[in-house]
Amino acid sequence: MTDNLDDALAGLELDGLDDLTAEPSNENDMSVFADVPLTITLEVASTELTLGELSQAKHGDVLRLDKAAGEPMDVKVNGVYFAKAEVVLVDGQYGIKFISQDEQEKADS
């Protein structure tokens, strides 16, 4: 799943990090980024409709979405696809369990 981390971090503003000197001993050392806050989003499903269709929607209307019930959901980091996951309960609160990540799923998102 770390293959998508570069994509997710690409939109971050990292002003001030230019002055940091990194040790050349480990190119994959991400400890300098350990405290960077990220927004994790679980996308249940989506649909497309026109402005006209949306303006006609009223209380009680139902919109059909593009995923079947029980299908894995997309995890996005800062709006960028990261992995597939399923919803789990953790001490009475929602959590996510990472279940897969492959390049085809990334291309489809």
Protein backbone atom coordinates (compact mmCIF):
# COMPACT_ATOMS: atom_id res chain seq x y z
CA MET A 1 0.00 0.00 0.00
CA THR A 2 2.95 2.33 0.40
CA ASP A 3 3.24 2.60 -3.41
CA ASN A 4 0.36 5.10 -3.35
CA LEU A 5 1.83 7.12 -0.49
CA ASP A 6 3.82 9.34 -2.86
CA ASP A 7 0.62 10.21 -4.74
CA ALA A 8 -1.20 10.99 -1.49
CA LEU A 9 1.64 13.19 -0.22
CA ALA A 10 2.08 15.04 -3.52
CA GLY A 11 -0.55 17.67 -2.67
CA LEU A 12 0.86 18.55 0.74
CA GLU A 13 2.44 21.92 1.31
CA LEU A 14 5.80 21.17 2.80
CA ASP A 15 7.15 24.71 3.17
CA GLY A 16 10.11 24.83 5.47
CA LEU A 17 11.29 21.31 4.72
CA ASP A 18 13.69 22.61 2.09
CA ASP A 19 15.98 23.72 4.89
CA LEU A 20 16.18 20.24 6.40
CA THR A 21 19.24 18.19 5.63
CA ALA A 22 18.52 14.51 5.24
CA GLU A 23 21.03 11.84 6.01
CA PRO A 24 21.91 10.09 2.73
CA SER A 25 22.13 6.73 4.50
CA ASN A 26 18.48 5.72 3.95
CA GLU A 27 16.53 7.07 0.98
CA ASN A 28 13.28 5.47 2.22
CA ASP A 29 13.43 7.02 5.70
CA MET A 30 10.12 8.81 6.06
CA SER A 31 10.58 9.76 9.72
CA VAL A 32 10.73 13.45 8.77
CA PHE A 33 7.08 13.10 7.64
CA ALA A 34 5.87 11.18 10.71
CA ASP A 35 3.88 14.12 12.13
CA VAL A 36 2.31 15.31 8.85
CA PRO A 37 -1.49 15.15 9.25
CA LEU A 38 -3.38 13.24 6.56
CA THR A 39 -7.10 13.04 5.80
CA ILE A 40 -8.32 9.46 5.40
CA THR A 41 -11.66 9.08 3.62
CA LEU A 42 -13.71 5.94 3.10
CA GLU A 43 -15.74 6.28 -0.08
CA VAL A 44 -18.83 4.09 0.09
CA ALA A 45 -20.00 4.64 -3.51
CA SER A 46 -20.89 7.38 -5.97
CA THR A 47 -23.21 8.23 -8.81
CA GLU A 48 -23.50 10.85 -11.52
CA LEU A 49 -26.58 12.87 -12.27
CA THR A 50 -27.38 16.18 -13.87
CA LEU A 51 -28.06 19.41 -12.04
CA GLY A 52 -31.64 19.14 -13.26
CA GLU A 53 -32.04 15.67 -11.77
CA LEU A 54 -30.55 16.79 -8.47
CA SER A 55 -32.77 19.89 -8.35
CA GLN A 56 -35.83 17.61 -8.65
CA ALA A 57 -34.77 15.45 -5.68
CA LYS A 58 -36.99 15.71 -2.65
CA HIS A 59 -37.16 14.30 0.86
CA GLY A 60 -37.52 10.52 0.71
CA ASP A 61 -36.07 10.07 -2.80
CA VAL A 62 -33.43 7.35 -3.21
CA LEU A 63 -30.39 7.55 -5.50
CA ARG A 64 -28.89 4.30 -6.77
CA LEU A 65 -25.12 4.16 -6.26
CA ASP A 66 -22.44 2.36 -8.28
CA LYS A 67 -21.49 -0.39 -5.79
CA ALA A 68 -23.30 -3.46 -4.56
CA ALA A 69 -23.96 -3.90 -0.85
CA GLY A 70 -21.01 -5.64 0.79
CA GLU A 71 -18.53 -4.65 -1.92
CA PRO A 72 -15.16 -3.31 -0.66
CA MET A 73 -14.91 0.45 -0.32
CA ASP A 74 -12.22 2.83 -1.54
CA VAL A 75 -9.83 4.33 1.00
CA LYS A 76 -8.46 7.70 -0.07
CA VAL A 77 -5.61 9.63 1.51
CA ASN A 78 -5.86 13.36 0.86
CA GLY A 79 -8.29 12.55 -1.97
CA VAL A 80 -5.99 10.03 -3.69
CA TYR A 81 -6.92 6.33 -3.96
CA PHE A 82 -4.89 4.27 -1.49
CA ALA A 83 -6.52 0.85 -0.99
CA LYS A 84 -9.71 -1.19 -0.68
CA ALA A 85 -11.18 -1.78 2.77
CA GLU A 86 -14.19 -3.06 4.61
CA VAL A 87 -15.93 -1.45 7.55
CA VAL A 88 -15.44 -3.10 10.95
CA LEU A 89 -16.48 -2.27 14.51
CA VAL A 90 -13.74 -1.46 17.00
CA ASP A 91 -14.93 -1.01 20.59
CA GLY A 92 -18.32 0.23 19.37
CA GLN A 93 -16.88 2.64 16.78
CA TYR A 94 -16.42 2.29 13.05
CA GLY A 95 -13.01 1.28 11.78
CA ILE A 96 -11.57 0.07 8.49
CA LYS A 97 -9.76 -3.13 7.65
CA PHE A 98 -7.44 -2.91 4.64
CA ILE A 99 -8.11 -5.83 2.32
CA SER A 100 -6.40 -5.13 -1.00
CA GLN A 101 -4.61 -2.75 -3.26
CA ASP A 102 -3.75 -3.45 -6.86
CA GLU A 103 -2.83 -1.29 -9.80
CA GLN A 104 -6.04 -2.02 -11.77
CA GLU A 105 -8.20 -0.84 -8.88
CA LYS A 106 -6.06 2.29 -8.63
CA ALA A 107 -6.47 2.98 -12.36
CA ASP A 108 -10.26 2.58 -12.12
CA SER A 109 -10.57 5.13 -9.27
